[in-house]
Amino acid sequence: MRRLLEAKDAQGATAIAPQTFSLVDRAAKWGIIKKNTAARYKSRLTLRLRKLATA
């Protein structure tokens, strides 16, 4: 998703967002990352996606 955001591909990033968020949530569930870290990652990716979609 980060590569798509850097390439300014809003449609591709929007399509892959649910898969990315699912992966982050699973990592938090398994204890690989903390819940707040997962929330921060998802929030920052969402903000970048929204900014790209409006541009």
PDB file of N, CA and C in Angstrom:
ATOM      1  N   MET A   1       0.821  -1.177   0.000  1.00  0.00           N
ATOM      2  CA  MET A   1       0.000   0.000   0.000  1.00  0.00           C
ATOM      3  C   MET A   1       0.871   1.248   0.000  1.00  0.00           C
ATOM      4  N   ARG A   2       1.962   1.195   0.717  1.00  0.00           N
ATOM      5  CA  ARG A   2       2.852   2.364   0.745  1.00  0.00           C
ATOM      6  C   ARG A   2       3.417   2.662  -0.634  1.00  0.00           C
ATOM      7  N   ARG A   3       3.758   1.616  -1.376  1.00  0.00           N
ATOM      8  CA  ARG A   3       4.280   1.823  -2.736  1.00  0.00           C
ATOM      9  C   ARG A   3       3.225   2.458  -3.627  1.00  0.00           C
ATOM     10  N   LEU A   4       1.986   2.024  -3.496  1.00  0.00           N
ATOM     11  CA  LEU A   4       0.912   2.600  -4.293  1.00  0.00           C
ATOM     12  C   LEU A   4       0.674   4.056  -3.909  1.00  0.00           C
ATOM     13  N   LEU A   5       0.761   4.366  -2.623  1.00  0.00           N
ATOM     14  CA  LEU A   5       0.588   5.754  -2.189  1.00  0.00           C
ATOM     15  C   LEU A   5       1.719   6.630  -2.712  1.00  0.00           C
ATOM     16  N   GLU A   6       2.936   6.117  -2.686  1.00  0.00           N
ATOM     17  CA  GLU A   6       4.072   6.881  -3.195  1.00  0.00           C
ATOM     18  C   GLU A   6       3.980   7.076  -4.702  1.00  0.00           C
ATOM     19  N   ALA A   7       3.396   6.091  -5.396  1.00  0.00           N
ATOM     20  CA  ALA A   7       3.219   6.189  -6.842  1.00  0.00           C
ATOM     21  C   ALA A   7       1.978   7.004  -7.210  1.00  0.00           C
ATOM     22  N   LYS A   8       1.275   7.481  -6.199  1.00  0.00           N
ATOM     23  CA  LYS A   8       0.061   8.284  -6.367  1.00  0.00           C
ATOM     24  C   LYS A   8      -1.030   7.534  -7.121  1.00  0.00           C
ATOM     25  N   ASP A   9      -1.159   6.230  -6.823  1.00  0.00           N
ATOM     26  CA  ASP A   9      -2.200   5.391  -7.405  1.00  0.00           C
ATOM     27  C   ASP A   9      -3.329   5.249  -6.389  1.00  0.00           C
ATOM     28  N   ALA A  10      -4.278   6.178  -6.422  1.00  0.00           N
ATOM     29  CA  ALA A  10      -5.358   6.206  -5.444  1.00  0.00           C
ATOM     30  C   ALA A  10      -6.281   4.999  -5.588  1.00  0.00           C
ATOM     31  N   GLN A  11      -6.586   4.603  -6.808  1.00  0.00           N
ATOM     32  CA  GLN A  11      -7.489   3.474  -7.014  1.00  0.00           C
ATOM     33  C   GLN A  11      -6.868   2.167  -6.524  1.00  0.00           C
ATOM     34  N   GLY A  12      -5.621   1.964  -6.823  1.00  0.00           N
ATOM     35  CA  GLY A  12      -4.942   0.758  -6.380  1.00  0.00           C
ATOM     36  C   GLY A  12      -4.824   0.698  -4.864  1.00  0.00           C
ATOM     37  N   ALA A  13      -4.508   1.833  -4.257  1.00  0.00           N
ATOM     38  CA  ALA A  13      -4.374   1.887  -2.802  1.00  0.00           C
ATOM     39  C   ALA A  13      -5.726   1.663  -2.126  1.00  0.00           C
ATOM     40  N   THR A  14      -6.786   2.207  -2.703  1.00  0.00           N
ATOM     41  CA  THR A  14      -8.123   2.011  -2.140  1.00  0.00           C
ATOM     42  C   THR A  14      -8.524   0.542  -2.225  1.00  0.00           C
ATOM     43  N   ALA A  15      -8.166  -0.101  -3.314  1.00  0.00           N
ATOM     44  CA  ALA A  15      -8.520  -1.504  -3.495  1.00  0.00           C
ATOM     45  C   ALA A  15      -7.792  -2.416  -2.518  1.00  0.00           C
ATOM     46  N   ILE A  16      -6.564  -2.075  -2.175  1.00  0.00           N
ATOM     47  CA  ILE A  16      -5.763  -2.941  -1.317  1.00  0.00           C
ATOM     48  C   ILE A  16      -5.869  -2.569   0.171  1.00  0.00           C
ATOM     49  N   ALA A  17      -6.521  -1.468   0.487  1.00  0.00           N
ATOM     50  CA  ALA A  17      -6.626  -1.002   1.870  1.00  0.00           C
ATOM     51  C   ALA A  17      -7.239  -2.046   2.813  1.00  0.00           C
ATOM     52  N   PRO A  18      -8.356  -2.690   2.479  1.00  0.00           N
ATOM     53  CA  PRO A  18      -8.914  -3.679   3.414  1.00  0.00           C
ATOM     54  C   PRO A  18      -7.952  -4.821   3.723  1.00  0.00           C
ATOM     55  N   GLN A  19      -7.202  -5.273   2.731  1.00  0.00           N
ATOM     56  CA  GLN A  19      -6.231  -6.344   2.959  1.00  0.00           C
ATOM     57  C   GLN A  19      -5.112  -5.864   3.873  1.00  0.00           C
ATOM     58  N   THR A  20      -4.673  -4.640   3.668  1.00  0.00           N
ATOM     59  CA  THR A  20      -3.609  -4.082   4.490  1.00  0.00           C
ATOM     60  C   THR A  20      -4.054  -3.933   5.937  1.00  0.00           C
ATOM     61  N   PHE A  21      -5.274  -3.410   6.134  1.00  0.00           N
ATOM     62  CA  PHE A  21      -5.780  -3.223   7.489  1.00  0.00           C
ATOM     63  C   PHE A  21      -6.000  -4.563   8.182  1.00  0.00           C
ATOM     64  N   SER A  22      -6.417  -5.563   7.435  1.00  0.00           N
ATOM     65  CA  SER A  22      -6.601  -6.899   8.000  1.00  0.00           C
ATOM     66  C   SER A  22      -5.268  -7.457   8.476  1.00  0.00           C
ATOM     67  N   LEU A  23      -4.238  -7.259   7.682  1.00  0.00           N
ATOM     68  CA  LEU A  23      -2.905  -7.736   8.051  1.00  0.00           C
ATOM     69  C   LEU A  23      -2.404  -7.044   9.321  1.00  0.00           C
ATOM     70  N   VAL A  24      -2.618  -5.747   9.409  1.00  0.00           N
ATOM     71  CA  VAL A  24      -2.192  -4.992  10.590  1.00  0.00           C
ATOM     72  C   VAL A  24      -2.975  -5.465  11.816  1.00  0.00           C
ATOM     73  N   ASP A  25      -4.281  -5.679  11.651  1.00  0.00           N
ATOM     74  CA  ASP A  25      -5.101  -6.156  12.767  1.00  0.00           C
ATOM     75  C   ASP A  25      -4.671  -7.536  13.244  1.00  0.00           C
ATOM     76  N   ARG A  26      -4.349  -8.414  12.305  1.00  0.00           N
ATOM     77  CA  ARG A  26      -3.886  -9.753  12.687  1.00  0.00           C
ATOM     78  C   ARG A  26      -2.553  -9.686  13.421  1.00  0.00           C
ATOM     79  N   ALA A  27      -1.666  -8.802  12.976  1.00  0.00           N
ATOM     80  CA  ALA A  27      -0.374  -8.646  13.659  1.00  0.00           C
ATOM     81  C   ALA A  27      -0.585  -8.176  15.095  1.00  0.00           C
ATOM     82  N   ALA A  28      -1.556  -7.288  15.299  1.00  0.00           N
ATOM     83  CA  ALA A  28      -1.852  -6.813  16.647  1.00  0.00           C
ATOM     84  C   ALA A  28      -2.477  -7.930  17.488  1.00  0.00           C
ATOM     85  N   LYS A  29      -3.333  -8.703  16.868  1.00  0.00           N
ATOM     86  CA  LYS A  29      -3.999  -9.800  17.579  1.00  0.00           C
ATOM     87  C   LYS A  29      -2.993 -10.840  18.050  1.00  0.00           C
ATOM     88  N   TRP A  30      -2.013 -11.147  17.203  1.00  0.00           N
ATOM     89  CA  TRP A  30      -1.008 -12.149  17.544  1.00  0.00           C
ATOM     90  C   TRP A  30       0.078 -11.608  18.463  1.00  0.00           C
ATOM     91  N   GLY A  31       0.077 -10.296  18.733  1.00  0.00           N
ATOM     92  CA  GLY A  31       1.057  -9.723  19.644  1.00  0.00           C
ATOM     93  C   GLY A  31       2.345  -9.304  18.970  1.00  0.00           C
ATOM     94  N   ILE A  32       2.365  -9.285  17.649  1.00  0.00           N
ATOM     95  CA  ILE A  32       3.566  -8.858  16.941  1.00  0.00           C
ATOM     96  C   ILE A  32       3.764  -7.360  17.121  1.00  0.00           C
ATOM     97  N   ILE A  33       2.658  -6.617  17.046  1.00  0.00           N
ATOM     98  CA  ILE A  33       2.682  -5.180  17.346  1.00  0.00           C
ATOM     99  C   ILE A  33       1.574  -4.902  18.358  1.00  0.00           C
ATOM    100  N   LYS A  34       1.663  -3.794  19.042  1.00  0.00           N
ATOM    101  CA  LYS A  34       0.650  -3.440  20.033  1.00  0.00           C
ATOM    102  C   LYS A  34      -0.586  -2.868  19.359  1.00  0.00           C
ATOM    103  N   LYS A  35      -1.712  -2.902  20.069  1.00  0.00           N
ATOM    104  CA  LYS A  35      -2.969  -2.410  19.507  1.00  0.00           C
ATOM    105  C   LYS A  35      -2.889  -0.937  19.122  1.00  0.00           C
ATOM    106  N   ASN A  36      -2.258  -0.127  19.947  1.00  0.00           N
ATOM    107  CA  ASN A  36      -2.160   1.304  19.643  1.00  0.00           C
ATOM    108  C   ASN A  36      -1.273   1.558  18.426  1.00  0.00           C
ATOM    109  N   THR A  37      -0.250   0.753  18.269  1.00  0.00           N
ATOM    110  CA  THR A  37       0.613   0.874  17.100  1.00  0.00           C
ATOM    111  C   THR A  37      -0.167   0.531  15.838  1.00  0.00           C
ATOM    112  N   ALA A  38      -0.981  -0.515  15.901  1.00  0.00           N
ATOM    113  CA  ALA A  38      -1.810  -0.895  14.759  1.00  0.00           C
ATOM    114  C   ALA A  38      -2.788   0.218  14.423  1.00  0.00           C
ATOM    115  N   ALA A  39      -3.390   0.797  15.430  1.00  0.00           N
ATOM    116  CA  ALA A  39      -4.337   1.888  15.201  1.00  0.00           C
ATOM    117  C   ALA A  39      -3.639   3.087  14.570  1.00  0.00           C
ATOM    118  N   ARG A  40      -2.423   3.369  15.017  1.00  0.00           N
ATOM    119  CA  ARG A  40      -1.666   4.490  14.468  1.00  0.00           C
ATOM    120  C   ARG A  40      -1.311   4.246  13.001  1.00  0.00           C
ATOM    121  N   TYR A  41      -0.863   3.038  12.682  1.00  0.00           N
ATOM    122  CA  TYR A  41      -0.542   2.697  11.295  1.00  0.00           C
ATOM    123  C   TYR A  41      -1.756   2.872  10.400  1.00  0.00           C
ATOM    124  N   LYS A  42      -2.887   2.324  10.841  1.00  0.00           N
ATOM    125  CA  LYS A  42      -4.105   2.402  10.029  1.00  0.00           C
ATOM    126  C   LYS A  42      -4.563   3.842   9.871  1.00  0.00           C
ATOM    127  N   SER A  43      -4.451   4.619  10.919  1.00  0.00           N
ATOM    128  CA  SER A  43      -4.853   6.021  10.860  1.00  0.00           C
ATOM    129  C   SER A  43      -3.991   6.804   9.887  1.00  0.00           C
ATOM    130  N   ARG A  44      -2.701   6.610   9.953  1.00  0.00           N
ATOM    131  CA  ARG A  44      -1.797   7.349   9.069  1.00  0.00           C
ATOM    132  C   ARG A  44      -1.977   6.943   7.608  1.00  0.00           C
ATOM    133  N   LEU A  45      -2.192   5.652   7.372  1.00  0.00           N
ATOM    134  CA  LEU A  45      -2.429   5.207   5.999  1.00  0.00           C
ATOM    135  C   LEU A  45      -3.747   5.765   5.463  1.00  0.00           C
ATOM    136  N   THR A  46      -4.764   5.797   6.310  1.00  0.00           N
ATOM    137  CA  THR A  46      -6.058   6.351   5.903  1.00  0.00           C
ATOM    138  C   THR A  46      -5.940   7.822   5.579  1.00  0.00           C
ATOM    139  N   LEU A  47      -5.206   8.560   6.386  1.00  0.00           N
ATOM    140  CA  LEU A  47      -5.022   9.989   6.130  1.00  0.00           C
ATOM    141  C   LEU A  47      -4.298  10.214   4.794  1.00  0.00           C
ATOM    142  N   ARG A  48      -3.270   9.429   4.543  1.00  0.00           N
ATOM    143  CA  ARG A  48      -2.542   9.556   3.279  1.00  0.00           C
ATOM    144  C   ARG A  48      -3.426   9.205   2.089  1.00  0.00           C
ATOM    145  N   LEU A  49      -4.258   8.184   2.254  1.00  0.00           N
ATOM    146  CA  LEU A  49      -5.161   7.767   1.193  1.00  0.00           C
ATOM    147  C   LEU A  49      -6.202   8.842   0.901  1.00  0.00           C
ATOM    148  N   ARG A  50      -6.775   9.423   1.950  1.00  0.00           N
ATOM    149  CA  ARG A  50      -7.756  10.494   1.770  1.00  0.00           C
ATOM    150  C   ARG A  50      -7.135  11.720   1.108  1.00  0.00           C
ATOM    151  N   LYS A  51      -5.922  12.054   1.523  1.00  0.00           N
ATOM    152  CA  LYS A  51      -5.229  13.210   0.945  1.00  0.00           C
ATOM    153  C   LYS A  51      -4.974  12.985  -0.541  1.00  0.00           C
ATOM    154  N   LEU A  52      -4.585  11.766  -0.897  1.00  0.00           N
ATOM    155  CA  LEU A  52      -4.324  11.447  -2.289  1.00  0.00           C
ATOM    156  C   LEU A  52      -5.618  11.432  -3.117  1.00  0.00           C
ATOM    157  N   ALA A  53      -6.692  10.944  -2.525  1.00  0.00           N
ATOM    158  CA  ALA A  53      -7.968  10.847  -3.249  1.00  0.00           C
ATOM    159  C   ALA A  53      -8.550  12.229  -3.540  1.00  0.00           C
ATOM    160  N   THR A  54      -8.321  13.191  -2.655  1.00  0.00           N
ATOM    161  CA  THR A  54      -8.853  14.535  -2.872  1.00  0.00           C
ATOM    162  C   THR A  54      -7.980  15.363  -3.788  1.00  0.00           C
ATOM    163  N   ALA A  55      -6.731  14.961  -3.940  1.00  0.00           N
ATOM    164  CA  ALA A  55      -5.807  15.737  -4.780  1.00  0.00           C
ATOM    165  C   ALA A  55      -6.020  15.510  -6.249  1.00  0.00           C
TER     166      ALA A  55
END
